[in-house]
Amino acid sequence: MIVGETVVVIRRERIGTLPGNTPEYAEVETLVENVLIDPKPGSDVTDSVRPDGTQAEYVLHFPKAFVGSLRGASVKMRGGDPMEVEGDPQSYTNANTPLLWNRPVSVYRVDG
């Protein structure tokens, strides 16, 4: 049986308007259960600015029950630091995904 993990999706959302009609934003956290976590091989960052840098990458498989946008979001998993979502992940059609997961999401973090 395949069992996913709980992750935290962090998105910047408009929560109101400040004086002078300036938009007010805040980071909003959403728990998402049953996400499959697929670690990818790590890599070194080879540019001259980060000679000791490393990059961690994962593909997260979100369940069909999650329908929100992940564009510009970050994800925390397994108690670690937030990882940035690449691009604007889209779902496969339900007809082509017989199991519970239909959206692969690439995330990454660069350290060092």
Protein backbone atom coordinates (compact mmCIF):
# COMPACT_ATOMS: atom_id res chain seq x y z
CA MET A 1 0.00 0.00 0.00
CA ILE A 2 1.32 3.44 -0.92
CA VAL A 3 1.15 6.01 1.88
CA GLY A 4 1.97 9.68 1.47
CA GLU A 5 3.25 12.25 3.94
CA THR A 6 1.93 15.58 5.20
CA VAL A 7 3.61 18.70 3.78
CA VAL A 8 3.07 22.42 4.34
CA VAL A 9 2.39 24.60 1.29
CA ILE A 10 3.35 28.25 1.84
CA ARG A 11 1.80 30.86 -0.46
CA ARG A 12 1.88 34.64 -0.46
CA GLU A 13 -1.73 35.81 -0.53
CA ARG A 14 -3.40 39.18 -0.48
CA ILE A 15 -5.16 39.61 2.86
CA GLY A 16 -6.37 43.18 2.64
CA THR A 17 -5.62 46.77 1.75
CA LEU A 18 -3.49 49.24 3.69
CA PRO A 19 -4.03 53.01 3.79
CA GLY A 20 -3.30 54.62 0.45
CA ASN A 21 -4.88 51.64 -1.33
CA THR A 22 -1.68 49.58 -0.92
CA PRO A 23 -2.26 45.82 -1.03
CA GLU A 24 -1.36 43.88 2.13
CA TYR A 25 0.10 40.38 1.78
CA ALA A 26 0.91 37.57 4.19
CA GLU A 27 2.33 34.07 3.97
CA VAL A 28 -0.48 31.54 4.34
CA GLU A 29 0.34 27.94 5.28
CA THR A 30 -1.83 25.00 4.18
CA LEU A 31 -1.34 21.41 5.35
CA VAL A 32 -1.64 18.88 2.53
CA GLU A 33 -1.87 15.22 3.47
CA ASN A 34 -0.93 12.14 1.46
CA VAL A 35 1.83 13.67 -0.70
CA LEU A 36 4.34 11.21 -2.17
CA ILE A 37 7.95 12.39 -1.82
CA ASP A 38 10.46 11.33 -4.48
CA PRO A 39 14.03 12.49 -3.68
CA LYS A 40 16.31 13.18 -6.63
CA PRO A 41 20.09 12.89 -6.55
CA GLY A 42 21.64 15.99 -5.02
CA SER A 43 24.09 18.11 -6.95
CA ASP A 44 26.81 20.65 -6.38
CA VAL A 45 26.33 24.25 -7.39
CA THR A 46 29.22 24.98 -9.73
CA ASP A 47 29.13 28.74 -10.10
CA SER A 48 31.94 30.90 -8.69
CA VAL A 49 29.63 32.68 -6.23
CA ARG A 50 28.79 29.44 -4.36
CA PRO A 51 31.84 27.18 -4.55
CA ASP A 52 30.59 25.07 -1.61
CA GLY A 53 26.91 25.16 -2.56
CA THR A 54 24.64 22.15 -2.92
CA GLN A 55 21.18 21.75 -4.38
CA ALA A 56 18.52 19.38 -3.05
CA GLU A 57 15.68 18.39 -5.40
CA TYR A 58 12.48 16.39 -5.03
CA VAL A 59 9.41 15.59 -7.07
CA LEU A 60 6.32 15.71 -4.90
CA HIS A 61 3.21 13.93 -6.13
CA PHE A 62 0.17 15.81 -4.87
CA PRO A 63 -3.17 14.05 -4.36
CA LYS A 64 -6.20 14.74 -6.52
CA ALA A 65 -7.89 16.26 -3.46
CA PHE A 66 -5.51 19.26 -3.63
CA VAL A 67 -6.80 21.72 -6.21
CA GLY A 68 -5.00 24.96 -5.29
CA SER A 69 -2.36 26.75 -7.31
CA LEU A 70 1.30 26.09 -6.52
CA ARG A 71 2.70 28.89 -8.68
CA GLY A 72 5.18 30.94 -6.62
CA ALA A 73 4.72 28.69 -3.59
CA SER A 74 7.20 26.90 -1.40
CA VAL A 75 6.81 23.61 0.46
CA LYS A 76 8.10 22.42 3.83
CA MET A 77 8.42 18.68 4.37
CA ARG A 78 9.91 16.36 6.94
CA GLY A 79 10.61 19.28 9.28
CA GLY A 80 13.09 20.89 6.86
CA ASP A 81 13.47 24.37 5.43
CA PRO A 82 11.08 25.53 2.71
CA MET A 83 11.82 24.41 -0.84
CA GLU A 84 10.83 26.48 -3.87
CA VAL A 85 8.26 25.17 -6.35
CA GLU A 86 9.44 25.25 -9.97
CA GLY A 87 7.07 26.90 -12.44
CA ASP A 88 3.30 26.42 -12.31
CA PRO A 89 2.65 22.67 -11.84
CA GLN A 90 -0.48 21.32 -13.52
CA SER A 91 -2.46 18.12 -12.96
CA TYR A 92 -2.82 15.16 -15.24
CA THR A 93 -6.40 14.39 -16.25
CA ASN A 94 -8.24 12.15 -13.81
CA ALA A 95 -8.93 9.69 -16.64
CA ASN A 96 -5.17 9.13 -16.99
CA THR A 97 -4.45 8.77 -13.27
CA PRO A 98 -6.25 5.80 -11.73
CA LEU A 99 -4.57 6.21 -8.32
CA LEU A 100 -4.89 9.08 -5.82
CA TRP A 101 -2.09 11.34 -7.16
CA ASN A 102 -2.27 13.44 -10.31
CA ARG A 103 0.14 16.37 -9.99
CA PRO A 104 3.94 16.05 -10.04
CA VAL A 105 5.60 19.08 -8.46
CA SER A 106 9.34 19.77 -8.72
CA VAL A 107 10.82 21.54 -5.68
CA TYR A 108 14.39 22.55 -4.87
CA ARG A 109 16.57 24.27 -2.28
CA VAL A 110 20.11 25.60 -2.68
CA ASP A 111 22.36 25.70 0.38
CA GLY A 112 25.80 27.21 0.75
